[in-house]
Amino acid sequence: MGRWEPNARGRLAEAALELYSERGYEQTTVAEIAKRAGLTERTFFRHYADKREVLFDGANALQERFVDAVAEAQESAAPIDAMAAGLQAVTDVFAGRREYSRRRQAVIQANAELRERELIKLASMSTALAGALRGRGVAEPVASLTAEAGVAVFKVGFELWIAPAEQRELSQVMRESLDALKSATASGQTV
């Protein structure tokens, strides 16, 4: 087996996604993932706690980038504008990964356990973003409401971006989604 070959983590992630797409998440074992990647089960467990986490690798780094960008936005920025800075900061994480993201999301949508895990990750992101806003001096409930709105924009924008016919860049989709939210909440405005 090719244990010494580079990029074991990436190879395991790709092998897992291929198998989940072909056979389904529940029918795929860690042994099969490791074998497809040309690695051992032991190597798999050095990189991932379980077969579910293969799909959520990078979620913590994404959250950290989002939170840091919100925290570091211009001091004078309104809470929603700090959230816009965060949304912009995370878009480059997905550069060149639209097709992978489409395949990953299809696997997640096909399994209730994975959908639940995704919701937990999004809830964690919202909590962290609210904390970043509070650190900027934003009071409650504005901090939590803005964080929830930011996660909703991220979720909706991401879903639009991975749609089969979509060609726009993620940054454009995120900006347009945030603008739609701002328009919907502007007083006296109709959408």
N, C-alpha and C. Protein backbone atom coordinates (compact mmCIF):
# COMPACT_ATOMS: atom_id res chain seq x y z
N MET A 1 0.84 -1.18 0.00
CA MET A 1 0.00 0.00 0.00
C MET A 1 0.88 1.24 0.00
N GLY A 2 0.36 2.33 -0.58
CA GLY A 2 1.13 3.56 -0.74
C GLY A 2 1.07 4.48 0.44
N ARG A 3 1.35 4.00 1.64
CA ARG A 3 1.27 4.83 2.84
C ARG A 3 2.21 6.03 2.77
N TRP A 4 3.33 5.90 2.10
CA TRP A 4 4.33 6.95 2.08
C TRP A 4 4.06 8.01 1.02
N GLU A 5 3.07 7.79 0.17
CA GLU A 5 2.77 8.76 -0.87
C GLU A 5 2.22 10.04 -0.26
N PRO A 6 2.46 11.17 -0.90
CA PRO A 6 2.00 12.45 -0.34
C PRO A 6 0.48 12.60 -0.40
N ASN A 7 -0.01 13.56 0.36
CA ASN A 7 -1.41 13.98 0.38
C ASN A 7 -2.37 12.87 0.80
N ALA A 8 -2.03 12.13 1.83
CA ALA A 8 -2.90 11.06 2.30
C ALA A 8 -4.27 11.61 2.68
N ARG A 9 -4.32 12.74 3.35
CA ARG A 9 -5.59 13.33 3.78
C ARG A 9 -6.49 13.63 2.58
N GLY A 10 -5.92 14.26 1.58
CA GLY A 10 -6.69 14.58 0.37
C GLY A 10 -7.14 13.34 -0.38
N ARG A 11 -6.28 12.36 -0.45
CA ARG A 11 -6.64 11.12 -1.13
C ARG A 11 -7.76 10.40 -0.39
N LEU A 12 -7.71 10.40 0.93
CA LEU A 12 -8.78 9.79 1.71
C LEU A 12 -10.10 10.53 1.50
N ALA A 13 -10.05 11.84 1.49
CA ALA A 13 -11.28 12.64 1.29
C ALA A 13 -11.88 12.38 -0.08
N GLU A 14 -11.04 12.32 -1.10
CA GLU A 14 -11.55 12.07 -2.45
C GLU A 14 -12.10 10.65 -2.57
N ALA A 15 -11.39 9.69 -2.01
CA ALA A 15 -11.87 8.29 -2.05
C ALA A 15 -13.21 8.16 -1.33
N ALA A 16 -13.33 8.81 -0.18
CA ALA A 16 -14.59 8.76 0.57
C ALA A 16 -15.73 9.36 -0.24
N LEU A 17 -15.50 10.52 -0.83
CA LEU A 17 -16.55 11.16 -1.60
C LEU A 17 -16.96 10.30 -2.80
N GLU A 18 -15.99 9.71 -3.46
CA GLU A 18 -16.31 8.82 -4.59
C GLU A 18 -17.18 7.66 -4.13
N LEU A 19 -16.78 7.02 -3.05
CA LEU A 19 -17.53 5.86 -2.55
C LEU A 19 -18.91 6.25 -2.03
N TYR A 20 -18.99 7.36 -1.32
CA TYR A 20 -20.30 7.80 -0.83
C TYR A 20 -21.23 8.09 -2.00
N SER A 21 -20.68 8.66 -3.07
CA SER A 21 -21.49 8.97 -4.25
C SER A 21 -21.93 7.70 -4.97
N GLU A 22 -21.03 6.72 -5.05
CA GLU A 22 -21.32 5.47 -5.75
C GLU A 22 -22.24 4.55 -4.96
N ARG A 23 -21.93 4.34 -3.68
CA ARG A 23 -22.61 3.34 -2.87
C ARG A 23 -23.54 3.89 -1.82
N GLY A 24 -23.34 5.13 -1.46
CA GLY A 24 -24.07 5.72 -0.35
C GLY A 24 -23.20 5.76 0.88
N TYR A 25 -23.45 6.74 1.72
CA TYR A 25 -22.66 6.95 2.93
C TYR A 25 -22.74 5.73 3.86
N GLU A 26 -23.94 5.29 4.12
CA GLU A 26 -24.14 4.21 5.09
C GLU A 26 -23.52 2.89 4.65
N GLN A 27 -23.46 2.64 3.35
CA GLN A 27 -22.94 1.37 2.84
C GLN A 27 -21.42 1.36 2.70
N THR A 28 -20.78 2.49 2.93
CA THR A 28 -19.33 2.59 2.75
C THR A 28 -18.62 2.44 4.09
N THR A 29 -17.57 1.62 4.10
CA THR A 29 -16.80 1.42 5.32
C THR A 29 -15.47 2.17 5.26
N VAL A 30 -14.88 2.38 6.42
CA VAL A 30 -13.56 3.00 6.50
C VAL A 30 -12.54 2.15 5.76
N ALA A 31 -12.65 0.83 5.88
CA ALA A 31 -11.71 -0.06 5.19
C ALA A 31 -11.77 0.16 3.68
N GLU A 32 -12.96 0.33 3.14
CA GLU A 32 -13.11 0.57 1.70
C GLU A 32 -12.53 1.91 1.29
N ILE A 33 -12.73 2.92 2.14
CA ILE A 33 -12.17 4.24 1.83
C ILE A 33 -10.64 4.16 1.80
N ALA A 34 -10.08 3.55 2.82
CA ALA A 34 -8.62 3.43 2.90
C ALA A 34 -8.07 2.65 1.70
N LYS A 35 -8.73 1.57 1.37
CA LYS A 35 -8.29 0.76 0.23
C LYS A 35 -8.34 1.56 -1.07
N ARG A 36 -9.44 2.28 -1.30
CA ARG A 36 -9.58 3.09 -2.52
C ARG A 36 -8.47 4.14 -2.60
N ALA A 37 -8.09 4.68 -1.43
CA ALA A 37 -7.04 5.70 -1.39
C ALA A 37 -5.64 5.10 -1.44
N GLY A 38 -5.54 3.76 -1.36
CA GLY A 38 -4.24 3.11 -1.36
C GLY A 38 -3.54 3.25 -0.03
N LEU A 39 -4.32 3.33 1.05
CA LEU A 39 -3.77 3.52 2.39
C LEU A 39 -4.35 2.48 3.34
N THR A 40 -3.93 2.53 4.58
CA THR A 40 -4.44 1.60 5.59
C THR A 40 -5.52 2.26 6.43
N GLU A 41 -6.30 1.43 7.12
CA GLU A 41 -7.30 1.97 8.04
C GLU A 41 -6.62 2.80 9.13
N ARG A 42 -5.49 2.34 9.58
CA ARG A 42 -4.76 3.07 10.60
C ARG A 42 -4.43 4.49 10.14
N THR A 43 -4.01 4.60 8.88
CA THR A 43 -3.72 5.92 8.33
C THR A 43 -5.00 6.76 8.28
N PHE A 44 -6.11 6.15 7.92
CA PHE A 44 -7.38 6.87 7.92
C PHE A 44 -7.63 7.49 9.29
N PHE A 45 -7.50 6.69 10.33
CA PHE A 45 -7.81 7.17 11.68
C PHE A 45 -6.76 8.14 12.24
N ARG A 46 -5.62 8.23 11.61
CA ARG A 46 -4.66 9.28 11.96
C ARG A 46 -5.16 10.63 11.49
N HIS A 47 -5.96 10.61 10.44
CA HIS A 47 -6.43 11.87 9.85
C HIS A 47 -7.86 12.23 10.24
N TYR A 48 -8.69 11.24 10.45
CA TYR A 48 -10.12 11.49 10.70
C TYR A 48 -10.62 10.62 11.85
N ALA A 49 -11.50 11.19 12.66
CA ALA A 49 -12.06 10.45 13.80
C ALA A 49 -13.03 9.36 13.33
N ASP A 50 -13.76 9.66 12.26
CA ASP A 50 -14.72 8.69 11.73
C ASP A 50 -15.03 9.05 10.27
N LYS A 51 -15.82 8.20 9.64
CA LYS A 51 -16.07 8.41 8.20
C LYS A 51 -16.92 9.64 7.93
N ARG A 52 -17.66 10.09 8.91
CA ARG A 52 -18.48 11.30 8.76
C ARG A 52 -17.61 12.54 8.66
N GLU A 53 -16.56 12.59 9.47
CA GLU A 53 -15.73 13.79 9.53
C GLU A 53 -14.95 14.06 8.26
N VAL A 54 -14.82 13.08 7.39
CA VAL A 54 -14.16 13.31 6.11
C VAL A 54 -14.86 14.42 5.34
N LEU A 55 -16.18 14.45 5.44
CA LEU A 55 -16.96 15.44 4.71
C LEU A 55 -16.93 16.82 5.36
N PHE A 56 -16.52 16.89 6.61
CA PHE A 56 -16.54 18.15 7.33
C PHE A 56 -15.15 18.67 7.66
N ASP A 57 -14.15 18.07 7.04
CA ASP A 57 -12.78 18.52 7.21
C ASP A 57 -12.69 19.95 6.68
N GLY A 58 -12.09 20.80 7.42
CA GLY A 58 -11.96 22.19 7.00
C GLY A 58 -13.03 23.10 7.56
N ALA A 59 -14.06 22.53 8.19
CA ALA A 59 -15.15 23.36 8.74
C ALA A 59 -14.63 24.30 9.83
N ASN A 60 -13.72 23.81 10.65
CA ASN A 60 -13.17 24.66 11.72
C ASN A 60 -12.34 25.80 11.16
N ALA A 61 -11.55 25.51 10.13
CA ALA A 61 -10.75 26.56 9.50
C ALA A 61 -11.64 27.58 8.81
N LEU A 62 -12.72 27.12 8.19
CA LEU A 62 -13.67 28.02 7.54
C LEU A 62 -14.30 28.94 8.59
N GLN A 63 -14.73 28.36 9.69
CA GLN A 63 -15.34 29.14 10.76
C GLN A 63 -14.35 30.16 11.30
N GLU A 64 -13.13 29.73 11.51
CA GLU A 64 -12.10 30.64 12.04
C GLU A 64 -11.86 31.82 11.10
N ARG A 65 -11.82 31.54 9.81
CA ARG A 65 -11.60 32.61 8.83
C ARG A 65 -12.77 33.60 8.84
N PHE A 66 -13.98 33.06 8.89
CA PHE A 66 -15.20 33.87 8.92
C PHE A 66 -15.20 34.76 10.16
N VAL A 67 -14.97 34.17 11.31
CA VAL A 67 -14.99 34.88 12.59
C VAL A 67 -13.88 35.94 12.64
N ASP A 68 -12.68 35.58 12.21
CA ASP A 68 -11.57 36.53 12.22
C ASP A 68 -11.87 37.74 11.34
N ALA A 69 -12.45 37.51 10.18
CA ALA A 69 -12.76 38.62 9.27
C ALA A 69 -13.82 39.54 9.87
N VAL A 70 -14.80 38.97 10.54
CA VAL A 70 -15.82 39.79 11.20
C VAL A 70 -15.18 40.60 12.32
N ALA A 71 -14.36 39.96 13.13
CA ALA A 71 -13.71 40.63 14.26
C ALA A 71 -12.77 41.74 13.79
N GLU A 72 -12.14 41.54 12.64
CA GLU A 72 -11.14 42.49 12.15
C GLU A 72 -11.70 43.51 11.15
N ALA A 73 -13.00 43.48 10.91
CA ALA A 73 -13.60 44.46 9.99
C ALA A 73 -13.36 45.87 10.54
N GLN A 74 -13.47 46.86 9.66
CA GLN A 74 -13.27 48.24 10.10
C GLN A 74 -14.07 48.53 11.35
N GLU A 75 -13.45 49.22 12.26
CA GLU A 75 -14.09 49.53 13.54
C GLU A 75 -15.42 50.24 13.36
N SER A 76 -15.52 51.09 12.35
CA SER A 76 -16.74 51.86 12.12
C SER A 76 -17.84 51.06 11.39
N ALA A 77 -17.53 49.85 10.96
CA ALA A 77 -18.49 49.06 10.18
C ALA A 77 -19.70 48.67 11.02
N ALA A 78 -20.87 48.81 10.42
CA ALA A 78 -22.11 48.35 11.05
C ALA A 78 -22.02 46.83 11.18
N PRO A 79 -22.77 46.23 12.11
CA PRO A 79 -22.70 44.77 12.28
C PRO A 79 -22.92 43.99 10.98
N ILE A 80 -23.87 44.39 10.17
CA ILE A 80 -24.13 43.66 8.92
C ILE A 80 -22.99 43.83 7.93
N ASP A 81 -22.31 44.97 7.99
CA ASP A 81 -21.16 45.19 7.11
C ASP A 81 -19.94 44.40 7.58
N ALA A 82 -19.80 44.21 8.89
CA ALA A 82 -18.75 43.32 9.40
C ALA A 82 -19.03 41.90 8.94
N MET A 83 -20.31 41.52 8.94
CA MET A 83 -20.69 40.19 8.46
C MET A 83 -20.38 40.06 6.96
N ALA A 84 -20.59 41.12 6.21
CA ALA A 84 -20.26 41.11 4.78
C ALA A 84 -18.76 40.86 4.58
N ALA A 85 -17.94 41.46 5.43
CA ALA A 85 -16.49 41.24 5.34
C ALA A 85 -16.17 39.77 5.61
N GLY A 86 -16.87 39.18 6.55
CA GLY A 86 -16.68 37.76 6.84
C GLY A 86 -17.08 36.88 5.68
N LEU A 87 -18.23 37.19 5.09
CA LEU A 87 -18.70 36.41 3.94
C LEU A 87 -17.71 36.50 2.79
N GLN A 88 -17.18 37.69 2.55
CA GLN A 88 -16.20 37.86 1.48
C GLN A 88 -14.94 37.05 1.76
N ALA A 89 -14.52 37.04 3.01
CA ALA A 89 -13.29 36.34 3.38
C ALA A 89 -13.36 34.83 3.16
N VAL A 90 -14.54 34.25 3.32
CA VAL A 90 -14.63 32.79 3.18
C VAL A 90 -14.78 32.33 1.74
N THR A 91 -15.09 33.23 0.83
CA THR A 91 -15.34 32.78 -0.54
C THR A 91 -14.11 32.18 -1.22
N ASP A 92 -12.92 32.68 -0.90
CA ASP A 92 -11.73 32.15 -1.57
C ASP A 92 -11.40 30.72 -1.12
N VAL A 93 -11.95 30.28 0.00
CA VAL A 93 -11.75 28.90 0.45
C VAL A 93 -12.31 27.91 -0.59
N PHE A 94 -13.33 28.35 -1.32
CA PHE A 94 -14.01 27.48 -2.26
C PHE A 94 -13.53 27.65 -3.70
N ALA A 95 -12.52 28.46 -3.92
CA ALA A 95 -12.01 28.69 -5.27
C ALA A 95 -11.59 27.37 -5.90
N GLY A 96 -12.11 27.09 -7.08
CA GLY A 96 -11.77 25.87 -7.81
C GLY A 96 -12.40 24.61 -7.23
N ARG A 97 -13.35 24.76 -6.31
CA ARG A 97 -13.92 23.59 -5.63
C ARG A 97 -15.44 23.48 -5.83
N ARG A 98 -15.96 24.10 -6.85
CA ARG A 98 -17.40 24.05 -7.06
C ARG A 98 -17.89 22.63 -7.32
N GLU A 99 -17.22 21.90 -8.19
CA GLU A 99 -17.68 20.55 -8.51
C GLU A 99 -17.56 19.63 -7.30
N TYR A 100 -16.46 19.74 -6.58
CA TYR A 100 -16.30 18.97 -5.34
C TYR A 100 -17.42 19.32 -4.36
N SER A 101 -17.70 20.61 -4.23
CA SER A 101 -18.75 21.07 -3.31
C SER A 101 -20.12 20.54 -3.72
N ARG A 102 -20.37 20.49 -5.00
CA ARG A 102 -21.65 19.93 -5.49
C ARG A 102 -21.77 18.45 -5.10
N ARG A 103 -20.71 17.71 -5.34
CA ARG A 103 -20.73 16.27 -5.02
C ARG A 103 -20.88 16.05 -3.52
N ARG A 104 -20.14 16.81 -2.74
CA ARG A 104 -20.20 16.70 -1.28
C ARG A 104 -21.61 17.00 -0.77
N GLN A 105 -22.19 18.08 -1.27
CA GLN A 105 -23.52 18.47 -0.80
C GLN A 105 -24.57 17.43 -1.18
N ALA A 106 -24.43 16.80 -2.33
CA ALA A 106 -25.37 15.75 -2.74
C ALA A 106 -25.30 14.57 -1.77
N VAL A 107 -24.11 14.22 -1.32
CA VAL A 107 -23.96 13.13 -0.35
C VAL A 107 -24.60 13.53 0.98
N ILE A 108 -24.36 14.74 1.41
CA ILE A 108 -24.94 15.21 2.68
C ILE A 108 -26.46 15.23 2.61
N GLN A 109 -27.00 15.74 1.52
CA GLN A 109 -28.46 15.82 1.40
C GLN A 109 -29.13 14.46 1.36
N ALA A 110 -28.40 13.43 0.98
CA ALA A 110 -28.97 12.08 0.88
C ALA A 110 -28.98 11.33 2.21
N ASN A 111 -28.45 11.94 3.28
CA ASN A 111 -28.33 11.22 4.55
C ASN A 111 -28.72 12.12 5.71
N ALA A 112 -29.69 11.69 6.51
CA ALA A 112 -30.18 12.49 7.64
C ALA A 112 -29.09 12.77 8.67
N GLU A 113 -28.25 11.79 8.97
CA GLU A 113 -27.17 11.98 9.95
C GLU A 113 -26.21 13.07 9.49
N LEU A 114 -25.90 13.10 8.20
CA LEU A 114 -24.98 14.10 7.68
C LEU A 114 -25.64 15.48 7.63
N ARG A 115 -26.92 15.53 7.31
CA ARG A 115 -27.64 16.82 7.34
C ARG A 115 -27.63 17.39 8.75
N GLU A 116 -27.85 16.51 9.73
CA GLU A 116 -27.82 16.96 11.12
C GLU A 116 -26.44 17.50 11.49
N ARG A 117 -25.38 16.80 11.06
CA ARG A 117 -24.02 17.25 11.35
C ARG A 117 -23.75 18.61 10.72
N GLU A 118 -24.24 18.80 9.52
CA GLU A 118 -24.07 20.09 8.84
C GLU A 118 -24.77 21.20 9.62
N LEU A 119 -25.97 20.94 10.10
CA LEU A 119 -26.70 21.93 10.89
C LEU A 119 -25.97 22.26 12.19
N ILE A 120 -25.36 21.26 12.80
CA ILE A 120 -24.58 21.50 14.02
C ILE A 120 -23.39 22.41 13.72
N LYS A 121 -22.73 22.17 12.60
CA LYS A 121 -21.59 23.01 12.21
C LYS A 121 -22.04 24.45 11.96
N LEU A 122 -23.18 24.63 11.30
CA LEU A 122 -23.69 25.97 11.03
C LEU A 122 -24.10 26.67 12.33
N ALA A 123 -24.69 25.93 13.27
CA ALA A 123 -25.05 26.51 14.56
C ALA A 123 -23.80 26.95 15.33
N SER A 124 -22.76 26.13 15.27
CA SER A 124 -21.50 26.49 15.91
C SER A 124 -20.92 27.76 15.29
N MET A 125 -21.02 27.86 13.98
CA MET A 125 -20.53 29.04 13.28
C MET A 125 -21.30 30.28 13.72
N SER A 126 -22.60 30.17 13.83
CA SER A 126 -23.42 31.30 14.27
C SER A 126 -23.03 31.75 15.67
N THR A 127 -22.84 30.81 16.57
CA THR A 127 -22.44 31.13 17.94
C THR A 127 -21.10 31.87 17.96
N ALA A 128 -20.16 31.38 17.18
CA ALA A 128 -18.84 32.01 17.12
C ALA A 128 -18.91 33.41 16.51
N LEU A 129 -19.73 33.57 15.47
CA LEU A 129 -19.89 34.88 14.84
C LEU A 129 -20.54 35.88 15.80
N ALA A 130 -21.53 35.43 16.55
CA ALA A 130 -22.17 36.30 17.54
C ALA A 130 -21.14 36.74 18.58
N GLY A 131 -20.27 35.82 18.99
CA GLY A 131 -19.22 36.17 19.93
C GLY A 131 -18.27 37.22 19.36
N ALA A 132 -17.94 37.09 18.08
CA ALA A 132 -17.07 38.08 17.43
C ALA A 132 -17.74 39.44 17.39
N LEU A 133 -19.03 39.45 17.11
CA LEU A 133 -19.76 40.72 17.08
C LEU A 133 -19.83 41.34 18.48
N ARG A 134 -20.08 40.51 19.49
CA ARG A 134 -20.10 41.04 20.86
C ARG A 134 -18.73 41.61 21.22
N GLY A 135 -17.67 40.95 20.73
CA GLY A 135 -16.31 41.45 20.95
C GLY A 135 -16.08 42.79 20.29
N ARG A 136 -16.86 43.12 19.29
CA ARG A 136 -16.79 44.41 18.62
C ARG A 136 -17.66 45.45 19.32
N GLY A 137 -18.36 45.02 20.39
CA GLY A 137 -19.22 45.94 21.13
C GLY A 137 -20.67 45.92 20.70
N VAL A 138 -21.04 44.96 19.87
CA VAL A 138 -22.44 44.85 19.42
C VAL A 138 -23.23 44.17 20.53
N ALA A 139 -24.31 44.81 20.95
CA ALA A 139 -25.14 44.28 22.04
C ALA A 139 -26.10 43.22 21.53
N GLU A 140 -26.64 42.46 22.47
CA GLU A 140 -27.69 41.50 22.16
C GLU A 140 -29.03 42.23 22.14
N PRO A 141 -29.97 41.85 21.34
CA PRO A 141 -29.98 40.67 20.48
C PRO A 141 -29.37 40.90 19.10
N VAL A 142 -28.86 42.11 18.84
CA VAL A 142 -28.34 42.44 17.52
C VAL A 142 -27.20 41.51 17.11
N ALA A 143 -26.30 41.18 18.05
CA ALA A 143 -25.17 40.31 17.71
C ALA A 143 -25.66 38.94 17.25
N SER A 144 -26.57 38.35 17.99
CA SER A 144 -27.07 37.01 17.61
C SER A 144 -27.91 37.06 16.35
N LEU A 145 -28.74 38.07 16.21
CA LEU A 145 -29.56 38.19 15.00
C LEU A 145 -28.70 38.37 13.75
N THR A 146 -27.68 39.20 13.87
CA THR A 146 -26.79 39.44 12.73
C THR A 146 -26.00 38.18 12.39
N ALA A 147 -25.54 37.47 13.41
CA ALA A 147 -24.81 36.22 13.17
C ALA A 147 -25.70 35.20 12.47
N GLU A 148 -26.93 35.04 12.95
CA GLU A 148 -27.86 34.10 12.31
C GLU A 148 -28.14 34.51 10.87
N ALA A 149 -28.30 35.81 10.64
CA ALA A 149 -28.53 36.30 9.28
C ALA A 149 -27.32 36.02 8.39
N GLY A 150 -26.12 36.22 8.94
CA GLY A 150 -24.91 35.94 8.18
C GLY A 150 -24.79 34.48 7.80
N VAL A 151 -25.11 33.59 8.72
CA VAL A 151 -25.07 32.15 8.42
C VAL A 151 -26.14 31.80 7.40
N ALA A 152 -27.32 32.42 7.51
CA ALA A 152 -28.38 32.17 6.51
C ALA A 152 -27.94 32.62 5.12
N VAL A 153 -27.30 33.78 5.04
CA VAL A 153 -26.79 34.27 3.75
C VAL A 153 -25.74 33.30 3.22
N PHE A 154 -24.84 32.84 4.09
CA PHE A 154 -23.82 31.88 3.67
C PHE A 154 -24.47 30.61 3.13
N LYS A 155 -25.42 30.07 3.87
CA LYS A 155 -26.08 28.82 3.48
C LYS A 155 -26.83 28.98 2.16
N VAL A 156 -27.63 30.02 2.04
CA VAL A 156 -28.40 30.23 0.81
C VAL A 156 -27.48 30.54 -0.36
N GLY A 157 -26.49 31.40 -0.13
CA GLY A 157 -25.54 31.73 -1.20
C GLY A 157 -24.78 30.51 -1.68
N PHE A 158 -24.35 29.67 -0.75
CA PHE A 158 -23.63 28.45 -1.11
C PHE A 158 -24.53 27.53 -1.92
N GLU A 159 -25.78 27.35 -1.50
CA GLU A 159 -26.71 26.49 -2.23
C GLU A 159 -26.96 27.02 -3.64
N LEU A 160 -27.07 28.33 -3.80
CA LEU A 160 -27.23 28.91 -5.13
C LEU A 160 -25.98 28.66 -5.98
N TRP A 161 -24.81 28.82 -5.37
CA TRP A 161 -23.54 28.67 -6.09
C TRP A 161 -23.32 27.25 -6.60
N ILE A 162 -23.79 26.24 -5.85
CA ILE A 162 -23.57 24.86 -6.30
C ILE A 162 -24.71 24.35 -7.19
N ALA A 163 -25.70 25.16 -7.45
CA ALA A 163 -26.79 24.75 -8.34
C ALA A 163 -26.21 24.36 -9.70
N PRO A 164 -26.79 23.36 -10.36
CA PRO A 164 -26.20 22.82 -11.60
C PRO A 164 -25.87 23.84 -12.69
N ALA A 165 -26.70 24.81 -12.92
CA ALA A 165 -26.46 25.74 -14.03
C ALA A 165 -25.71 27.00 -13.60
N GLU A 166 -25.42 27.14 -12.32
CA GLU A 166 -24.80 28.37 -11.81
C GLU A 166 -23.39 28.55 -12.34
N GLN A 167 -23.08 29.77 -12.79
CA GLN A 167 -21.76 30.09 -13.31
C GLN A 167 -21.08 31.24 -12.57
N ARG A 168 -21.86 32.02 -11.80
CA ARG A 168 -21.28 33.18 -11.10
C ARG A 168 -20.28 32.70 -10.04
N GLU A 169 -19.34 33.56 -9.72
CA GLU A 169 -18.38 33.29 -8.66
C GLU A 169 -19.11 33.35 -7.32
N LEU A 170 -18.59 32.62 -6.35
CA LEU A 170 -19.21 32.57 -5.03
C LEU A 170 -19.26 33.96 -4.40
N SER A 171 -18.23 34.75 -4.56
CA SER A 171 -18.23 36.09 -3.96
C SER A 171 -19.39 36.93 -4.49
N GLN A 172 -19.68 36.82 -5.77
CA GLN A 172 -20.79 37.56 -6.35
C GLN A 172 -22.13 37.05 -5.80
N VAL A 173 -22.28 35.75 -5.71
CA VAL A 173 -23.52 35.17 -5.19
C VAL A 173 -23.73 35.59 -3.74
N MET A 174 -22.67 35.59 -2.94
CA MET A 174 -22.78 36.00 -1.54
C MET A 174 -23.18 37.47 -1.43
N ARG A 175 -22.54 38.34 -2.23
CA ARG A 175 -22.89 39.77 -2.21
C ARG A 175 -24.35 39.97 -2.58
N GLU A 176 -24.78 39.29 -3.64
CA GLU A 176 -26.17 39.44 -4.09
C GLU A 176 -27.16 38.88 -3.06
N SER A 177 -26.80 37.80 -2.39
CA SER A 177 -27.67 37.23 -1.36
C SER A 177 -27.77 38.18 -0.17
N LEU A 178 -26.65 38.76 0.24
CA LEU A 178 -26.67 39.72 1.34
C LEU A 178 -27.47 40.96 0.95
N ASP A 179 -27.29 41.43 -0.28
CA ASP A 179 -28.07 42.58 -0.75
C ASP A 179 -29.56 42.28 -0.75
N ALA A 180 -29.94 41.07 -1.11
CA ALA A 180 -31.35 40.67 -1.09
C ALA A 180 -31.89 40.70 0.34
N LEU A 181 -31.10 40.23 1.30
CA LEU A 181 -31.51 40.28 2.70
C LEU A 181 -31.67 41.72 3.16
N LYS A 182 -30.70 42.57 2.83
CA LYS A 182 -30.78 43.98 3.22
C LYS A 182 -32.02 44.63 2.62
N SER A 183 -32.30 44.31 1.37
CA SER A 183 -33.47 44.87 0.71
C SER A 183 -34.76 44.39 1.38
N ALA A 184 -34.79 43.13 1.76
CA ALA A 184 -35.98 42.57 2.40
C ALA A 184 -36.23 43.18 3.76
N THR A 185 -35.18 43.65 4.44
CA THR A 185 -35.35 44.17 5.78
C THR A 185 -35.40 45.69 5.84
N ALA A 186 -35.18 46.35 4.70
CA ALA A 186 -35.22 47.81 4.67
C ALA A 186 -36.66 48.28 4.90
N SER A 187 -36.82 49.28 5.73
CA SER A 187 -38.19 49.75 6.04
C SER A 187 -38.82 50.38 4.81
N GLY A 188 -40.07 50.03 4.63
CA GLY A 188 -40.82 50.57 3.50
C GLY A 188 -40.50 49.94 2.16
N GLN A 189 -39.63 48.97 2.15
CA GLN A 189 -39.24 48.33 0.90
C GLN A 189 -40.00 47.02 0.70
N THR A 190 -40.29 46.71 -0.54
CA THR A 190 -40.85 45.40 -0.88
C THR A 190 -39.87 44.70 -1.78
N VAL A 191 -39.91 43.41 -1.72
CA VAL A 191 -38.96 42.62 -2.53
C VAL A 191 -39.64 42.13 -3.76
